[in-house]
N, C-alpha and C. Protein backbone atom coordinates (compact mmCIF):
# COMPACT_ATOMS: atom_id res chain seq x y z
N MET A 1 -3.68 67.33 32.47
CA MET A 1 -2.48 66.53 32.40
C MET A 1 -2.75 65.17 33.07
N ALA A 2 -2.26 64.12 32.47
CA ALA A 2 -2.49 62.77 32.98
C ALA A 2 -1.69 62.55 34.26
N GLU A 3 -2.33 61.92 35.21
CA GLU A 3 -1.68 61.63 36.48
C GLU A 3 -0.91 60.32 36.34
N THR A 4 0.33 60.29 36.81
CA THR A 4 1.12 59.07 36.75
C THR A 4 1.00 58.33 38.07
N LEU A 5 0.98 57.04 37.98
CA LEU A 5 0.89 56.18 39.16
C LEU A 5 2.29 55.94 39.70
N PRO A 6 2.42 55.69 40.99
CA PRO A 6 3.74 55.34 41.51
C PRO A 6 4.19 54.00 40.93
N ALA A 7 5.50 53.83 40.88
CA ALA A 7 6.06 52.59 40.32
C ALA A 7 5.51 51.36 41.03
N SER A 8 5.22 51.48 42.32
CA SER A 8 4.71 50.32 43.06
C SER A 8 3.37 49.84 42.51
N ALA A 9 2.57 50.75 41.94
CA ALA A 9 1.26 50.35 41.40
C ALA A 9 1.42 49.43 40.20
N ILE A 10 2.38 49.72 39.34
CA ILE A 10 2.59 48.87 38.15
C ILE A 10 3.26 47.55 38.55
N LEU A 11 3.96 47.56 39.67
CA LEU A 11 4.67 46.34 40.08
C LEU A 11 3.79 45.38 40.85
N GLN A 12 2.61 45.81 41.30
CA GLN A 12 1.72 44.91 42.04
C GLN A 12 1.30 43.70 41.21
N PRO A 13 0.88 43.87 39.94
CA PRO A 13 0.54 42.67 39.15
C PRO A 13 1.77 41.80 38.86
N VAL A 14 2.92 42.43 38.74
CA VAL A 14 4.16 41.66 38.54
C VAL A 14 4.40 40.77 39.75
N MET A 15 4.29 41.35 40.94
CA MET A 15 4.52 40.57 42.15
C MET A 15 3.46 39.48 42.33
N ALA A 16 2.22 39.77 41.94
CA ALA A 16 1.17 38.75 42.02
C ALA A 16 1.50 37.57 41.12
N LEU A 17 1.98 37.85 39.91
CA LEU A 17 2.32 36.77 38.98
C LEU A 17 3.55 35.98 39.47
N VAL A 18 4.51 36.68 40.04
CA VAL A 18 5.68 36.01 40.61
C VAL A 18 5.24 35.10 41.77
N LEU A 19 4.37 35.61 42.62
CA LEU A 19 3.86 34.80 43.74
C LEU A 19 3.12 33.57 43.23
N TRP A 20 2.26 33.74 42.22
CA TRP A 20 1.53 32.60 41.66
C TRP A 20 2.50 31.57 41.06
N THR A 21 3.57 32.06 40.42
CA THR A 21 4.58 31.15 39.86
C THR A 21 5.21 30.31 40.97
N PHE A 22 5.53 30.93 42.10
CA PHE A 22 6.11 30.18 43.22
C PHE A 22 5.11 29.20 43.81
N VAL A 23 3.83 29.57 43.88
CA VAL A 23 2.80 28.65 44.36
C VAL A 23 2.75 27.42 43.46
N MET A 24 2.75 27.64 42.15
CA MET A 24 2.71 26.51 41.21
C MET A 24 3.98 25.66 41.31
N TRP A 25 5.13 26.30 41.55
CA TRP A 25 6.39 25.58 41.69
C TRP A 25 6.33 24.63 42.88
N VAL A 26 5.82 25.12 44.01
CA VAL A 26 5.70 24.28 45.20
C VAL A 26 4.70 23.15 44.95
N TRP A 27 3.56 23.49 44.35
CA TRP A 27 2.53 22.49 44.06
C TRP A 27 3.05 21.43 43.09
N LEU A 28 3.80 21.87 42.10
CA LEU A 28 4.39 20.95 41.12
C LEU A 28 5.24 19.90 41.83
N TYR A 29 6.18 20.34 42.66
CA TYR A 29 7.07 19.39 43.31
C TYR A 29 6.39 18.61 44.43
N ALA A 30 5.38 19.20 45.04
CA ALA A 30 4.64 18.48 46.09
C ALA A 30 3.84 17.31 45.51
N THR A 31 3.50 17.38 44.22
CA THR A 31 2.77 16.27 43.59
C THR A 31 3.68 15.40 42.73
N ARG A 32 4.67 16.01 42.09
CA ARG A 32 5.51 15.25 41.16
C ARG A 32 6.46 14.29 41.87
N ILE A 33 7.15 14.74 42.89
CA ILE A 33 8.12 13.88 43.57
C ILE A 33 7.45 12.65 44.19
N PRO A 34 6.33 12.80 44.92
CA PRO A 34 5.66 11.60 45.42
C PRO A 34 5.19 10.67 44.29
N ALA A 35 4.73 11.23 43.17
CA ALA A 35 4.29 10.39 42.05
C ALA A 35 5.46 9.63 41.44
N ILE A 36 6.59 10.28 41.31
CA ILE A 36 7.79 9.63 40.76
C ILE A 36 8.20 8.46 41.66
N ARG A 37 8.17 8.70 42.95
CA ARG A 37 8.55 7.63 43.89
C ARG A 37 7.52 6.50 43.88
N ARG A 38 6.24 6.87 43.92
CA ARG A 38 5.17 5.86 43.98
C ARG A 38 5.16 4.98 42.73
N LEU A 39 5.35 5.60 41.57
CA LEU A 39 5.30 4.87 40.30
C LEU A 39 6.65 4.30 39.88
N ARG A 40 7.68 4.60 40.66
CA ARG A 40 9.05 4.16 40.34
C ARG A 40 9.43 4.54 38.90
N VAL A 41 9.24 5.81 38.60
CA VAL A 41 9.51 6.33 37.25
C VAL A 41 11.00 6.24 36.97
N LYS A 42 11.32 5.71 35.81
CA LYS A 42 12.71 5.62 35.38
C LYS A 42 13.12 6.97 34.78
N MET A 43 14.33 7.43 35.12
CA MET A 43 14.79 8.72 34.65
C MET A 43 16.22 8.65 34.11
N PRO A 44 16.44 7.87 33.05
CA PRO A 44 17.79 7.86 32.48
C PRO A 44 18.11 9.22 31.86
N PRO A 45 19.36 9.63 31.88
CA PRO A 45 19.71 10.96 31.37
C PRO A 45 19.45 11.15 29.87
N THR A 46 19.32 10.06 29.14
CA THR A 46 19.07 10.17 27.70
C THR A 46 17.59 10.22 27.35
N GLN A 47 16.74 10.10 28.35
CA GLN A 47 15.29 10.08 28.14
C GLN A 47 14.78 11.46 27.72
N THR A 48 13.86 11.50 26.79
CA THR A 48 13.27 12.77 26.37
C THR A 48 12.22 13.22 27.38
N LYS A 49 11.87 14.49 27.30
CA LYS A 49 10.82 15.03 28.17
C LYS A 49 9.50 14.32 27.92
N GLU A 50 9.22 14.02 26.67
CA GLU A 50 7.97 13.35 26.31
C GLU A 50 7.91 11.94 26.92
N ALA A 51 9.03 11.22 26.86
CA ALA A 51 9.07 9.87 27.43
C ALA A 51 8.90 9.92 28.95
N PHE A 52 9.51 10.91 29.57
CA PHE A 52 9.36 11.08 31.02
C PHE A 52 7.90 11.38 31.37
N ASN A 53 7.31 12.35 30.66
CA ASN A 53 5.93 12.75 30.94
C ASN A 53 4.93 11.63 30.69
N ALA A 54 5.23 10.75 29.75
CA ALA A 54 4.33 9.64 29.45
C ALA A 54 4.20 8.68 30.64
N GLN A 55 5.16 8.71 31.55
CA GLN A 55 5.13 7.83 32.71
C GLN A 55 4.31 8.40 33.87
N LEU A 56 3.93 9.67 33.76
CA LEU A 56 3.20 10.33 34.85
C LEU A 56 1.73 10.48 34.50
N PRO A 57 0.85 10.40 35.48
CA PRO A 57 -0.58 10.59 35.21
C PRO A 57 -0.87 12.06 34.87
N PRO A 58 -1.95 12.31 34.13
CA PRO A 58 -2.28 13.69 33.71
C PRO A 58 -2.42 14.67 34.87
N GLU A 59 -2.96 14.22 36.01
CA GLU A 59 -3.15 15.15 37.13
C GLU A 59 -1.83 15.61 37.72
N VAL A 60 -0.75 14.91 37.44
CA VAL A 60 0.59 15.35 37.86
C VAL A 60 1.21 16.21 36.76
N ARG A 61 1.00 15.81 35.51
CA ARG A 61 1.61 16.53 34.38
C ARG A 61 1.08 17.94 34.20
N TRP A 62 -0.22 18.18 34.43
CA TRP A 62 -0.77 19.51 34.14
C TRP A 62 -0.15 20.58 35.00
N LYS A 63 0.28 20.24 36.21
CA LYS A 63 0.93 21.24 37.07
C LYS A 63 2.26 21.66 36.48
N ALA A 64 2.99 20.71 35.92
CA ALA A 64 4.26 21.05 35.27
C ALA A 64 4.01 21.89 34.02
N ASP A 65 2.97 21.56 33.27
CA ASP A 65 2.64 22.36 32.08
C ASP A 65 2.27 23.79 32.48
N ASN A 66 1.48 23.93 33.53
CA ASN A 66 1.09 25.26 34.01
C ASN A 66 2.32 26.05 34.44
N TYR A 67 3.20 25.42 35.19
CA TYR A 67 4.42 26.08 35.65
C TYR A 67 5.28 26.51 34.46
N ASN A 68 5.43 25.63 33.49
CA ASN A 68 6.23 25.98 32.31
C ASN A 68 5.63 27.17 31.57
N HIS A 69 4.32 27.22 31.47
CA HIS A 69 3.67 28.34 30.79
C HIS A 69 3.89 29.64 31.57
N LEU A 70 3.90 29.56 32.90
CA LEU A 70 4.15 30.75 33.70
C LEU A 70 5.56 31.28 33.52
N LEU A 71 6.48 30.42 33.12
CA LEU A 71 7.85 30.87 32.88
C LEU A 71 8.06 31.30 31.43
N GLU A 72 7.24 30.81 30.51
CA GLU A 72 7.43 31.12 29.10
C GLU A 72 6.63 32.34 28.65
N GLN A 73 5.36 32.40 28.97
CA GLN A 73 4.47 33.41 28.41
C GLN A 73 4.63 34.83 28.97
N PRO A 74 4.80 35.03 30.26
CA PRO A 74 4.78 36.40 30.79
C PRO A 74 6.06 37.21 30.59
N VAL A 75 7.01 36.73 29.85
CA VAL A 75 8.28 37.44 29.70
C VAL A 75 8.06 38.86 29.17
N LEU A 76 7.24 39.02 28.16
CA LEU A 76 6.97 40.34 27.60
C LEU A 76 6.25 41.21 28.64
N PHE A 77 5.32 40.65 29.37
CA PHE A 77 4.63 41.39 30.43
C PHE A 77 5.62 41.91 31.46
N TYR A 78 6.54 41.05 31.91
CA TYR A 78 7.55 41.48 32.88
C TYR A 78 8.39 42.62 32.32
N ALA A 79 8.83 42.47 31.08
CA ALA A 79 9.68 43.49 30.46
C ALA A 79 8.95 44.83 30.36
N VAL A 80 7.72 44.81 29.89
CA VAL A 80 6.95 46.06 29.73
C VAL A 80 6.66 46.68 31.10
N ALA A 81 6.22 45.89 32.06
CA ALA A 81 5.89 46.42 33.38
C ALA A 81 7.11 47.02 34.06
N LEU A 82 8.24 46.34 34.00
CA LEU A 82 9.46 46.86 34.62
C LEU A 82 9.94 48.11 33.91
N THR A 83 9.83 48.16 32.60
CA THR A 83 10.21 49.36 31.84
C THR A 83 9.32 50.53 32.23
N LEU A 84 8.01 50.30 32.33
CA LEU A 84 7.09 51.36 32.73
C LEU A 84 7.38 51.84 34.14
N ALA A 85 7.74 50.92 35.03
CA ALA A 85 8.07 51.31 36.41
C ALA A 85 9.33 52.16 36.45
N VAL A 86 10.34 51.77 35.70
CA VAL A 86 11.58 52.54 35.66
C VAL A 86 11.36 53.93 35.05
N LEU A 87 10.56 53.98 34.00
CA LEU A 87 10.30 55.26 33.33
C LEU A 87 9.29 56.12 34.10
N GLY A 88 8.61 55.52 35.06
CA GLY A 88 7.60 56.25 35.82
C GLY A 88 6.34 56.52 35.02
N ALA A 89 6.12 55.72 34.01
CA ALA A 89 4.94 55.90 33.15
C ALA A 89 3.74 55.14 33.68
């Protein structure tokens, strides 16, 4: 018979990904806000995301792209892992 792991075992990678997301969030704002101030980036409410990003250097933009991907891509992973933890599978 197959041995089942405790729910905490399946949640460890979930927590690691959540922690990495928070690290990227802090890094994003630690680089973006100073760049916005230094470059005096204009931020009218009608401006598109593309127009805003065009004003920032690539080394600032990639952190935002990484953070966005961490919020978009792992949704299925979170759902499957949490379902497996609840089911005890």
